[in-house]
C-alpha atoms as a PDB file:
ATOM      1  CA  MET A   1     -79.816 -55.246-130.501  1.00  0.00           C
ATOM      2  CA  SER A   2     -81.540 -51.580-129.098  1.00  0.00           C
ATOM      3  CA  ARG A   3     -79.377 -49.293-127.006  1.00  0.00           C
ATOM      4  CA  TYR A   4     -79.849 -49.302-123.350  1.00  0.00           C
ATOM      5  CA  THR A   5     -82.862 -46.442-122.223  1.00  0.00           C
ATOM      6  CA  GLY A   6     -82.747 -47.822-118.471  1.00  0.00           C
ATOM      7  CA  PRO A   7     -81.551 -46.129-115.198  1.00  0.00           C
ATOM      8  CA  VAL A   8     -78.031 -45.331-116.143  1.00  0.00           C
ATOM      9  CA  CYS A   9     -76.584 -45.401-112.305  1.00  0.00           C
ATOM     10  CA  ARG A  10     -77.481 -49.260-112.488  1.00  0.00           C
ATOM     11  CA  LEU A  11     -75.095 -49.920-115.036  1.00  0.00           C
ATOM     12  CA  CYS A  12     -72.319 -47.922-112.625  1.00  0.00           C
ATOM     13  CA  ARG A  13     -73.279 -50.068-110.105  1.00  0.00           C
ATOM     14  CA  ARG A  14     -73.451 -53.029-111.797  1.00  0.00           C
ATOM     15  CA  GLU A  15     -69.367 -52.244-113.190  1.00  0.00           C
ATOM     16  CA  GLY A  16     -68.568 -51.195-109.420  1.00  0.00           C
ATOM     17  CA  THR A  17     -66.940 -47.849-110.845  1.00  0.00           C
ATOM     18  CA  LYS A  18     -68.072 -44.604-112.120  1.00  0.00           C
ATOM     19  CA  LEU A  19     -68.663 -44.337-115.924  1.00  0.00           C
ATOM     20  CA  TYR A  20     -69.660 -40.541-115.713  1.00  0.00           C
ATOM     21  CA  LEU A  21     -72.808 -40.976-117.786  1.00  0.00           C
ATOM     22  CA  LYS A  22     -74.922 -38.185-115.923  1.00  0.00           C
ATOM     23  CA  GLY A  23     -72.489 -35.416-116.285  1.00  0.00           C
ATOM     24  CA  ASP A  24     -72.090 -33.497-113.079  1.00  0.00           C
ATOM     25  CA  ARG A  25     -74.135 -35.329-111.186  1.00  0.00           C
ATOM     26  CA  CYS A  26     -71.425 -38.200-110.711  1.00  0.00           C
ATOM     27  CA  TYR A  27     -69.090 -35.856-109.331  1.00  0.00           C
ATOM     28  CA  THR A  28     -71.629 -35.075-106.284  1.00  0.00           C
ATOM     29  CA  ALA A  29     -73.044 -37.055-103.330  1.00  0.00           C
ATOM     30  CA  LYS A  30     -76.133 -37.702-104.965  1.00  0.00           C
ATOM     31  CA  CYS A  31     -74.269 -40.220-107.275  1.00  0.00           C
ATOM     32  CA  SER A  32     -75.888 -43.466-106.442  1.00  0.00           C
ATOM     33  CA  LEU A  33     -72.790 -45.693-106.671  1.00  0.00           C
ATOM     34  CA  GLY A  34     -71.550 -43.458-103.747  1.00  0.00           C
ATOM     35  CA  ARG A  35     -74.941 -44.338-101.700  1.00  0.00           C
ATOM     36  CA  ARG A  36     -75.178 -48.085-102.767  1.00  0.00           C
ATOM     37  CA  PRO A  37     -71.633 -49.448-103.722  1.00  0.00           C
ATOM     38  CA  VAL A  38     -73.583 -52.810-104.642  1.00  0.00           C
ATOM     39  CA  VAL A  39     -74.600 -54.976-107.708  1.00  0.00           C
ATOM     40  CA  PRO A  40     -78.318 -54.085-108.729  1.00  0.00           C
ATOM     41  CA  GLY A  41     -80.589 -56.757-107.725  1.00  0.00           C
ATOM     42  CA  GLN A  42     -81.481 -59.111-104.500  1.00  0.00           C
ATOM     43  CA  HIS A  43     -78.342 -60.506-104.923  1.00  0.00           C
ATOM     44  CA  GLY A  44     -75.903 -58.015-105.376  1.00  0.00           C
ATOM     45  CA  LYS A  45     -74.574 -57.887-101.848  1.00  0.00           C
ATOM     46  CA  SER A  46     -73.539 -61.415-101.965  1.00  0.00           C
ATOM     47  CA  ARG A  47     -71.242 -61.148-105.190  1.00  0.00           C
ATOM     48  CA  LYS A  48     -69.316 -64.110-106.468  1.00  0.00           C
ATOM     49  CA  LYS A  49     -65.602 -64.040-107.361  1.00  0.00           C
ATOM     50  CA  LEU A  50     -65.584 -63.795-111.015  1.00  0.00           C
ATOM     51  CA  SER A  51     -64.089 -66.185-113.468  1.00  0.00           C
ATOM     52  CA  GLU A  52     -61.276 -65.233-115.851  1.00  0.00           C
ATOM     53  CA  TYR A  53     -63.819 -65.058-118.643  1.00  0.00           C
ATOM     54  CA  GLY A  54     -66.044 -63.103-116.469  1.00  0.00           C
ATOM     55  CA  ILE A  55     -63.288 -60.710-115.613  1.00  0.00           C
ATOM     56  CA  GLN A  56     -62.694 -60.107-119.225  1.00  0.00           C
ATOM     57  CA  LEU A  57     -66.329 -59.579-120.309  1.00  0.00           C
ATOM     58  CA  ARG A  58     -66.649 -57.124-117.583  1.00  0.00           C
ATOM     59  CA  GLU A  59     -63.749 -54.916-118.915  1.00  0.00           C
ATOM     60  CA  LYS A  60     -65.525 -55.288-122.102  1.00  0.00           C
ATOM     61  CA  GLN A  61     -69.070 -54.190-120.911  1.00  0.00           C
ATOM     62  CA  LYS A  62     -67.413 -51.538-118.784  1.00  0.00           C
ATOM     63  CA  ALA A  63     -65.925 -49.878-122.097  1.00  0.00           C
ATOM     64  CA  LYS A  64     -68.995 -50.293-124.291  1.00  0.00           C
ATOM     65  CA  ARG A  65     -71.080 -48.130-121.298  1.00  0.00           C
ATOM     66  CA  ILE A  66     -68.602 -45.639-120.878  1.00  0.00           C
ATOM     67  CA  TYR A  67     -68.691 -44.832-124.798  1.00  0.00           C
ATOM     68  CA  GLY A  68     -72.379 -45.797-124.896  1.00  0.00           C
ATOM     69  CA  MET A  69     -72.348 -48.452-127.827  1.00  0.00           C
ATOM     70  CA  ARG A  70     -73.701 -51.594-128.654  1.00  0.00           C
ATOM     71  CA  GLU A  71     -72.006 -54.694-129.126  1.00  0.00           C
ATOM     72  CA  ASP A  72     -72.080 -54.929-133.214  1.00  0.00           C
ATOM     73  CA  GLN A  73     -70.761 -51.333-133.144  1.00  0.00           C
ATOM     74  CA  PHE A  74     -68.230 -52.290-130.512  1.00  0.00           C
ATOM     75  CA  PHE A  75     -66.930 -55.207-132.016  1.00  0.00           C
ATOM     76  CA  ILE A  76     -66.595 -53.512-135.581  1.00  0.00           C
ATOM     77  CA  TYR A  77     -64.094 -50.990-134.054  1.00  0.00           C
ATOM     78  CA  TYR A  78     -62.063 -53.889-132.152  1.00  0.00           C
ATOM     79  CA  GLU A  79     -61.958 -55.570-135.749  1.00  0.00           C
ATOM     80  CA  ILE A  80     -60.768 -52.240-137.423  1.00  0.00           C
ATOM     81  CA  ALA A  81     -58.038 -51.766-134.110  1.00  0.00           C
ATOM     82  CA  ASP A  82     -56.951 -55.395-134.869  1.00  0.00           C
ATOM     83  CA  ARG A  83     -56.090 -54.815-138.644  1.00  0.00           C
ATOM     84  CA  MET A  84     -54.014 -51.586-137.730  1.00  0.00           C
ATOM     85  CA  LYS A  85     -50.581 -51.484-137.255  1.00  0.00           C
ATOM     86  CA  GLY A  86     -49.341 -51.342-133.544  1.00  0.00           C
ATOM     87  CA  ILE A  87     -51.084 -52.520-130.384  1.00  0.00           C
ATOM     88  CA  THR A  88     -54.578 -53.780-131.009  1.00  0.00           C
ATOM     89  CA  GLY A  89     -56.058 -52.625-127.336  1.00  0.00           C
ATOM     90  CA  GLU A  90     -54.156 -48.955-127.647  1.00  0.00           C
ATOM     91  CA  ASN A  91     -55.609 -48.901-131.366  1.00  0.00           C
ATOM     92  CA  LEU A  92     -59.383 -49.448-130.235  1.00  0.00           C
ATOM     93  CA  LEU A  93     -59.102 -47.112-127.689  1.00  0.00           C
ATOM     94  CA  GLN A  94     -57.493 -44.444-129.948  1.00  0.00           C
ATOM     95  CA  LEU A  95     -60.540 -45.269-132.309  1.00  0.00           C
ATOM     96  CA  LEU A  96     -63.203 -44.788-129.354  1.00  0.00           C
ATOM     97  CA  GLU A  97     -61.845 -41.550-128.205  1.00  0.00           C
ATOM     98  CA  ARG A  98     -61.551 -40.121-131.799  1.00  0.00           C
ATOM     99  CA  ARG A  99     -65.488 -40.407-132.339  1.00  0.00           C
ATOM    100  CA  LEU A 100     -67.101 -37.194-132.561  1.00  0.00           C
ATOM    101  CA  ASP A 101     -69.716 -37.502-129.603  1.00  0.00           C
ATOM    102  CA  ASN A 102     -66.515 -38.425-127.251  1.00  0.00           C
ATOM    103  CA  VAL A 103     -64.510 -35.333-128.617  1.00  0.00           C
ATOM    104  CA  VAL A 104     -67.453 -33.116-127.965  1.00  0.00           C
ATOM    105  CA  PHE A 105     -67.452 -34.462-124.387  1.00  0.00           C
ATOM    106  CA  ARG A 106     -63.916 -34.007-123.851  1.00  0.00           C
ATOM    107  CA  ILE A 107     -64.238 -30.374-125.179  1.00  0.00           C
ATOM    108  CA  GLY A 108     -66.695 -29.558-123.176  1.00  0.00           C
ATOM    109  CA  PHE A 109     -69.427 -28.860-124.951  1.00  0.00           C
ATOM    110  CA  GLY A 110     -71.699 -31.361-123.266  1.00  0.00           C
ATOM    111  CA  ALA A 111     -71.868 -32.587-119.793  1.00  0.00           C
ATOM    112  CA  SER A 112     -71.801 -36.093-120.497  1.00  0.00           C
ATOM    113  CA  ARG A 113     -71.159 -38.541-123.992  1.00  0.00           C
ATOM    114  CA  PRO A 114     -74.999 -39.428-123.867  1.00  0.00           C
ATOM    115  CA  GLN A 115     -75.662 -35.245-124.055  1.00  0.00           C
ATOM    116  CA  SER A 116     -72.879 -34.871-126.239  1.00  0.00           C
ATOM    117  CA  ARG A 117     -74.053 -37.696-128.814  1.00  0.00           C
ATOM    118  CA  GLN A 118     -77.753 -35.898-128.663  1.00  0.00           C
ATOM    119  CA  LEU A 119     -75.977 -32.507-129.437  1.00  0.00           C
ATOM    120  CA  VAL A 120     -74.579 -34.041-132.600  1.00  0.00           C
ATOM    121  CA  ARG A 121     -77.535 -36.048-133.569  1.00  0.00           C
ATOM    122  CA  HIS A 122     -79.513 -32.703-133.761  1.00  0.00           C
ATOM    123  CA  GLY A 123     -77.035 -31.368-135.528  1.00  0.00           C
ATOM    124  CA  HIS A 124     -75.438 -28.503-133.248  1.00  0.00           C
ATOM    125  CA  ILE A 125     -71.621 -29.432-133.987  1.00  0.00           C
ATOM    126  CA  LEU A 126     -69.621 -28.420-137.132  1.00  0.00           C
ATOM    127  CA  VAL A 127     -66.296 -30.020-138.176  1.00  0.00           C
ATOM    128  CA  ASN A 128     -64.411 -27.738-140.350  1.00  0.00           C
ATOM    129  CA  GLY A 129     -67.447 -25.734-140.821  1.00  0.00           C
ATOM    130  CA  LYS A 130     -69.797 -28.536-141.777  1.00  0.00           C
ATOM    131  CA  ARG A 131     -72.397 -30.125-140.254  1.00  0.00           C
ATOM    132  CA  VAL A 132     -72.011 -33.504-138.942  1.00  0.00           C
ATOM    133  CA  ASP A 133     -74.846 -35.260-137.287  1.00  0.00           C
ATOM    134  CA  ILE A 134     -73.032 -38.763-136.931  1.00  0.00           C
ATOM    135  CA  PRO A 135     -71.683 -39.656-133.556  1.00  0.00           C
ATOM    136  CA  SER A 136     -69.409 -42.468-134.614  1.00  0.00           C
ATOM    137  CA  TYR A 137     -67.663 -39.837-137.154  1.00  0.00           C
ATOM    138  CA  LEU A 138     -63.836 -39.987-136.402  1.00  0.00           C
ATOM    139  CA  VAL A 139     -61.643 -36.995-136.200  1.00  0.00           C
ATOM    140  CA  GLU A 140     -58.858 -36.380-137.605  1.00  0.00           C
ATOM    141  CA  LYS A 141     -55.660 -34.408-136.556  1.00  0.00           C
ATOM    142  CA  GLY A 142     -56.248 -30.558-137.613  1.00  0.00           C
ATOM    143  CA  ASP A 143     -60.138 -30.719-137.471  1.00  0.00           C
ATOM    144  CA  ILE A 144     -61.974 -27.707-135.920  1.00  0.00           C
ATOM    145  CA  ILE A 145     -65.031 -28.707-134.091  1.00  0.00           C
ATOM    146  CA  ALA A 146     -67.196 -25.738-133.578  1.00  0.00           C
ATOM    147  CA  VAL A 147     -70.780 -25.280-132.315  1.00  0.00           C
ATOM    148  CA  ASP A 148     -73.149 -24.011-134.987  1.00  0.00           C
ATOM    149  CA  VAL A 149     -73.668 -20.360-134.721  1.00  0.00           C
ATOM    150  CA  LYS A 150     -77.886 -20.534-134.095  1.00  0.00           C
ATOM    151  CA  SER A 151     -77.309 -23.352-132.117  1.00  0.00           C
ATOM    152  CA  ALA A 152     -75.023 -21.163-129.764  1.00  0.00           C
ATOM    153  CA  ASP A 153     -77.735 -18.565-129.284  1.00  0.00           C
ATOM    154  CA  GLU A 154     -80.587 -20.791-128.692  1.00  0.00           C
ATOM    155  CA  ILE A 155     -79.071 -23.746-126.783  1.00  0.00           C
ATOM    156  CA  GLU A 156     -78.666 -22.967-122.912  1.00  0.00           C
ATOM    157  CA  ILE A 157     -75.522 -25.201-122.533  1.00  0.00           C
ATOM    158  CA  PHE A 158     -73.831 -23.442-124.900  1.00  0.00           C
ATOM    159  CA  ARG A 159     -74.502 -20.066-123.748  1.00  0.00           C
ATOM    160  CA  SER A 160     -73.241 -21.220-120.325  1.00  0.00           C
ATOM    161  CA  PHE A 161     -70.134 -22.559-121.607  1.00  0.00           C
ATOM    162  CA  LYS A 162     -68.271 -19.460-121.977  1.00  0.00           C
ATOM    163  CA  GLU A 163     -68.559 -18.683-118.735  1.00  0.00           C
ATOM    164  CA  ALA A 164     -68.480 -21.805-116.772  1.00  0.00           C
ATOM    165  CA  SER A 165     -65.256 -23.147-115.321  1.00  0.00           C
ATOM    166  CA  ALA A 166     -62.736 -25.088-117.612  1.00  0.00           C
ATOM    167  CA  ARG A 167     -62.859 -28.763-117.456  1.00  0.00           C
ATOM    168  CA  ALA A 168     -59.714 -30.439-117.721  1.00  0.00           C
ATOM    169  CA  VAL A 169     -58.972 -30.928-121.539  1.00  0.00           C
ATOM    170  CA  VAL A 170     -56.975 -34.173-122.674  1.00  0.00           C
ATOM    171  CA  PRO A 171     -53.408 -33.023-124.576  1.00  0.00           C
ATOM    172  CA  TRP A 172     -54.376 -33.925-127.767  1.00  0.00           C
ATOM    173  CA  LEU A 173     -57.061 -31.111-127.503  1.00  0.00           C
ATOM    174  CA  GLN A 174     -57.338 -27.367-127.416  1.00  0.00           C
ATOM    175  CA  VAL A 175     -60.338 -25.367-126.584  1.00  0.00           C
ATOM    176  CA  ALA A 176     -61.310 -21.720-127.421  1.00  0.00           C
ATOM    177  CA  ARG A 177     -64.137 -20.953-124.879  1.00  0.00           C
ATOM    178  CA  GLU A 178     -64.956 -17.439-126.397  1.00  0.00           C
ATOM    179  CA  LYS A 179     -65.385 -18.986-129.926  1.00  0.00           C
ATOM    180  CA  LEU A 180     -66.993 -22.060-129.017  1.00  0.00           C
ATOM    181  CA  GLU A 181     -64.436 -23.997-130.788  1.00  0.00           C
ATOM    182  CA  GLY A 182     -62.258 -26.944-130.133  1.00  0.00           C
ATOM    183  CA  TYR A 183     -59.150 -28.011-131.916  1.00  0.00           C
ATOM    184  CA  VAL A 184     -57.714 -31.645-132.682  1.00  0.00           C
ATOM    185  CA  ILE A 185     -53.794 -31.045-132.169  1.00  0.00           C
ATOM    186  CA  ALA A 186     -52.637 -34.653-132.260  1.00  0.00           C
ATOM    187  CA  MET A 187     -54.021 -37.990-132.152  1.00  0.00           C
ATOM    188  CA  PRO A 188     -55.056 -39.433-128.725  1.00  0.00           C
ATOM    189  CA  ALA A 189     -52.227 -41.615-127.054  1.00  0.00           C
ATOM    190  CA  ARG A 190     -52.889 -44.220-124.340  1.00  0.00           C
ATOM    191  CA  ALA A 191     -51.542 -41.975-121.718  1.00  0.00           C
ATOM    192  CA  ASP A 192     -54.378 -39.382-122.519  1.00  0.00           C
ATOM    193  CA  VAL A 193     -56.932 -41.869-121.924  1.00  0.00           C
ATOM    194  CA  ASP A 194     -57.909 -41.370-118.293  1.00  0.00           C
ATOM    195  CA  LEU A 195     -60.491 -44.029-118.162  1.00  0.00           C
ATOM    196  CA  PRO A 196     -60.547 -47.050-115.574  1.00  0.00           C
ATOM    197  CA  ILE A 197     -60.041 -49.661-118.827  1.00  0.00           C
ATOM    198  CA  ASP A 198     -57.938 -52.375-119.032  1.00  0.00           C
ATOM    199  CA  GLU A 199     -57.655 -52.766-122.983  1.00  0.00           C
ATOM    200  CA  HIS A 200     -55.689 -55.923-122.641  1.00  0.00           C
ATOM    201  CA  LEU A 201     -58.888 -57.889-121.053  1.00  0.00           C
ATOM    202  CA  ILE A 202     -60.784 -56.715-123.890  1.00  0.00           C
ATOM    203  CA  VAL A 203     -58.449 -57.753-126.405  1.00  0.00           C
ATOM    204  CA  GLU A 204     -58.133 -61.303-124.720  1.00  0.00           C
ATOM    205  CA  HIS A 205     -61.916 -61.502-124.720  1.00  0.00           C
ATOM    206  CA  TYR A 206     -62.391 -61.282-128.331  1.00  0.00           C
ATOM    207  CA  SER A 207     -59.262 -63.317-129.067  1.00  0.00           C
ATOM    208  CA  ARG A 208     -60.708 -66.809-127.395  1.00  0.00           C
END
Protein backbone atom coordinates (compact mmCIF):
# COMPACT_ATOMS: atom_id res chain seq x y z
CA MET A 1 0.00 0.00 0.00
CA SER A 2 1.46 3.35 -1.06
CA ARG A 3 1.71 6.43 1.13
CA TYR A 4 -1.19 8.91 1.03
CA THR A 5 -0.38 11.86 -1.26
CA GLY A 6 -3.75 13.66 -1.36
CA PRO A 7 -4.82 16.84 0.49
CA VAL A 8 -3.75 16.35 4.10
CA CYS A 9 -6.37 18.72 5.49
CA ARG A 10 -8.98 16.13 4.51
CA LEU A 11 -7.34 13.74 6.96
CA CYS A 12 -7.83 16.16 9.85
CA ARG A 13 -11.45 16.66 8.88
CA ARG A 14 -11.97 12.90 8.61
CA GLU A 15 -10.64 12.32 12.13
CA GLY A 16 -12.40 15.38 13.56
CA THR A 17 -9.24 16.73 15.18
CA LYS A 18 -6.06 18.56 14.21
CA LEU A 19 -3.26 16.23 13.17
CA TYR A 20 -0.81 19.13 12.58
CA LEU A 21 0.30 17.91 9.16
CA LYS A 22 0.84 21.36 7.61
CA GLY A 23 3.04 23.01 10.21
CA ASP A 24 2.30 26.61 11.15
CA ARG A 25 -0.85 26.74 9.00
CA CYS A 26 -2.56 24.44 11.49
CA TYR A 27 -2.27 27.16 14.15
CA THR A 28 -3.91 29.88 12.04
CA ALA A 29 -7.42 30.72 10.88
CA LYS A 30 -6.55 29.12 7.51
CA CYS A 31 -6.85 25.66 9.05
CA SER A 32 -9.47 23.73 7.08
CA LEU A 33 -10.80 22.00 10.18
CA GLY A 34 -11.77 25.34 11.69
CA ARG A 35 -13.50 26.50 8.50
CA ARG A 36 -15.15 23.17 7.59
CA PRO A 37 -15.45 20.97 10.70
CA VAL A 38 -17.28 18.16 8.91
CA VAL A 39 -16.23 14.84 7.43
CA PRO A 40 -15.20 15.14 3.73
CA GLY A 41 -17.73 13.99 1.15
CA GLN A 42 -21.35 14.69 0.33
CA HIS A 43 -22.60 12.85 3.41
CA GLY A 44 -20.17 14.51 5.82
CA LYS A 45 -22.80 16.55 7.64
CA SER A 46 -24.92 13.46 8.38
CA ARG A 47 -22.29 11.65 10.40
CA LYS A 48 -23.61 8.44 11.96
CA LYS A 49 -22.83 7.18 15.44
CA LEU A 50 -19.79 4.87 15.35
CA SER A 51 -19.82 1.31 16.61
CA GLU A 52 -17.25 0.11 19.16
CA TYR A 53 -15.17 -1.29 16.31
CA GLY A 54 -15.51 1.98 14.40
CA ILE A 55 -14.25 3.99 17.38
CA GLN A 56 -11.21 1.71 17.72
CA LEU A 57 -10.52 1.88 13.99
CA ARG A 58 -10.68 5.67 13.90
CA GLU A 59 -8.25 5.92 16.82
CA LYS A 60 -5.77 3.65 15.03
CA GLN A 61 -6.17 5.63 11.79
CA LYS A 62 -5.63 8.87 13.67
CA ALA A 63 -2.33 7.69 15.17
CA LYS A 64 -1.16 6.34 11.80
CA ARG A 65 -1.86 9.65 10.12
CA ILE A 66 -0.24 11.78 12.81
CA TYR A 67 3.03 9.85 12.45
CA GLY A 68 2.64 9.40 8.66
CA MET A 69 2.81 5.62 8.50
CA ARG A 70 1.36 2.82 6.38
CA GLU A 71 -0.73 0.05 7.93
CA ASP A 72 1.98 -2.60 7.61
CA GLN A 73 4.56 -0.32 9.25
CA PHE A 74 2.22 0.61 12.07
CA PHE A 75 1.30 -3.01 12.78
CA ILE A 76 4.99 -3.94 13.05
CA TYR A 77 5.40 -1.32 15.78
CA TYR A 78 2.38 -2.76 17.57
CA GLU A 79 3.85 -6.27 17.46
CA ILE A 80 7.16 -5.00 18.86
CA ALA A 81 5.35 -3.07 21.60
CA ASP A 82 3.30 -6.14 22.49
CA ARG A 83 6.48 -8.19 23.03
CA MET A 84 8.08 -5.53 25.24
CA LYS A 85 7.72 -5.46 29.01
CA GLY A 86 5.20 -3.00 30.36
CA ILE A 87 1.93 -1.62 29.00
CA THR A 88 1.56 -2.31 25.28
CA GLY A 89 -0.14 1.00 24.43
CA GLU A 90 2.49 3.09 26.19
CA ASN A 91 5.26 1.01 24.60
CA LEU A 92 3.72 1.72 21.19
CA LEU A 93 3.66 5.48 21.73
CA GLN A 94 7.25 5.43 23.00
CA LEU A 95 8.41 3.64 19.85
CA LEU A 96 6.57 6.11 17.62
CA GLU A 97 8.00 9.09 19.49
CA ARG A 98 11.54 7.71 19.15
CA ARG A 99 11.36 7.68 15.34
CA LEU A 100 13.99 10.03 13.91
CA ASP A 101 11.52 11.99 11.77
CA ASN A 102 9.38 12.65 14.86
CA VAL A 103 12.43 13.68 16.91
CA VAL A 104 13.51 16.11 14.19
CA PHE A 105 10.02 17.62 14.32
CA ARG A 106 9.99 17.73 18.13
CA ILE A 107 13.33 19.53 18.16
CA GLY A 108 11.95 22.09 15.71
CA PHE A 109 14.16 21.50 12.67
CA GLY A 110 11.03 20.77 10.62
CA ALA A 111 7.72 22.64 10.78
CA SER A 112 5.74 19.40 10.51
CA ARG A 113 6.36 15.67 10.61
CA PRO A 114 6.06 15.30 6.81
CA GLN A 115 8.65 18.05 6.32
CA SER A 116 10.90 16.51 8.97
CA ARG A 117 10.65 13.14 7.22
CA GLN A 118 11.79 14.78 3.99
CA LEU A 119 14.76 16.42 5.73
CA VAL A 120 15.86 13.02 7.02
CA ARG A 121 15.40 11.29 3.67
CA HIS A 122 17.47 13.94 1.89
CA GLY A 123 20.40 13.37 4.22
CA HIS A 124 20.37 16.67 6.12
CA ILE A 125 20.32 15.09 9.58
CA LEU A 126 23.19 13.54 11.56
CA VAL A 127 22.92 11.19 14.54
CA ASN A 128 26.04 11.14 16.71
CA GLY A 129 27.99 12.67 13.82
CA LYS A 130 26.87 10.11 11.21
CA ARG A 131 24.38 10.80 8.43
CA VAL A 132 21.11 8.87 8.87
CA ASP A 133 18.52 9.01 6.09
CA ILE A 134 16.06 6.48 7.52
CA PRO A 135 13.00 8.21 9.06
CA SER A 136 12.12 5.11 11.12
CA TYR A 137 15.52 5.04 12.86
CA LEU A 138 14.92 4.79 16.63
CA VAL A 139 16.93 7.18 18.76
CA GLU A 140 18.42 6.15 22.10
CA LYS A 141 19.15 8.04 25.30
CA GLY A 142 22.36 10.01 24.85
CA ASP A 143 22.03 10.46 21.08
CA ILE A 144 22.90 13.83 19.53
CA ILE A 145 20.70 14.91 16.62
CA ALA A 146 22.32 17.61 14.50
CA VAL A 147 22.07 19.33 11.13
CA ASP A 148 24.77 18.66 8.54
CA VAL A 149 27.13 21.66 8.26
CA LYS A 150 26.53 22.12 4.51
CA SER A 151 22.77 21.86 4.93
CA ALA A 152 22.80 24.46 7.70
CA ASP A 153 24.07 27.07 5.20
CA GLU A 154 22.01 25.97 2.20
CA ILE A 155 18.54 25.22 3.63
CA GLU A 156 16.46 28.26 4.64
CA ILE A 157 14.55 26.47 7.39
CA PHE A 158 17.83 25.78 9.20
CA ARG A 159 19.10 29.35 8.77
CA SER A 160 15.90 30.73 10.29
CA PHE A 161 15.81 28.12 13.08
CA LYS A 162 18.39 29.99 15.18
CA GLU A 163 16.42 33.26 15.15
CA ALA A 164 12.88 31.81 15.30
CA SER A 165 10.91 31.85 18.54
CA ALA A 166 11.58 28.68 20.45
CA ARG A 167 8.93 25.96 20.13
CA ALA A 168 8.01 24.16 23.32
CA VAL A 169 10.25 21.09 23.48
CA VAL A 170 9.17 17.85 25.15
CA PRO A 171 10.92 17.08 28.48
CA TRP A 172 12.93 14.15 27.10
CA LEU A 173 14.75 16.38 24.58
CA GLN A 174 17.06 19.38 24.89
CA VAL A 175 17.90 21.85 22.12
CA ALA A 176 20.96 23.99 21.44
CA ARG A 177 19.62 26.40 18.82
CA GLU A 178 22.94 28.08 18.02
CA LYS A 179 24.62 24.73 17.40
CA LEU A 180 21.60 23.32 15.51
CA GLU A 181 21.67 20.31 17.80
CA GLY A 182 19.19 18.34 19.86
CA TYR A 183 19.95 15.91 22.68
CA VAL A 184 17.99 12.84 23.77
CA ILE A 185 18.27 13.08 27.55
CA ALA A 186 15.69 10.40 28.41
CA MET A 187 13.22 7.98 26.89
CA PRO A 188 9.75 9.45 26.24
CA ALA A 189 7.11 8.74 28.88
CA ARG A 190 3.34 8.61 28.31
CA ALA A 191 2.93 12.00 29.99
CA ASP A 192 5.29 13.51 27.39
CA VAL A 193 3.05 12.59 24.44
CA ASP A 194 0.82 15.64 23.97
CA LEU A 195 -1.33 14.13 21.24
CA PRO A 196 -5.08 13.30 21.15
CA ILE A 197 -4.47 9.55 21.05
CA ASP A 198 -6.14 6.91 23.21
CA GLU A 199 -3.65 4.08 22.86
CA HIS A 200 -5.90 1.63 24.72
CA LEU A 201 -8.37 1.71 21.84
CA ILE A 202 -5.57 0.87 19.39
CA VAL A 203 -4.53 -2.13 21.47
CA GLU A 204 -8.16 -3.27 21.67
CA HIS A 205 -8.48 -2.95 17.89
CA TYR A 206 -5.48 -5.19 17.20
CA SER A 207 -6.44 -7.63 19.97
CA ARG A 208 -9.82 -8.49 18.45
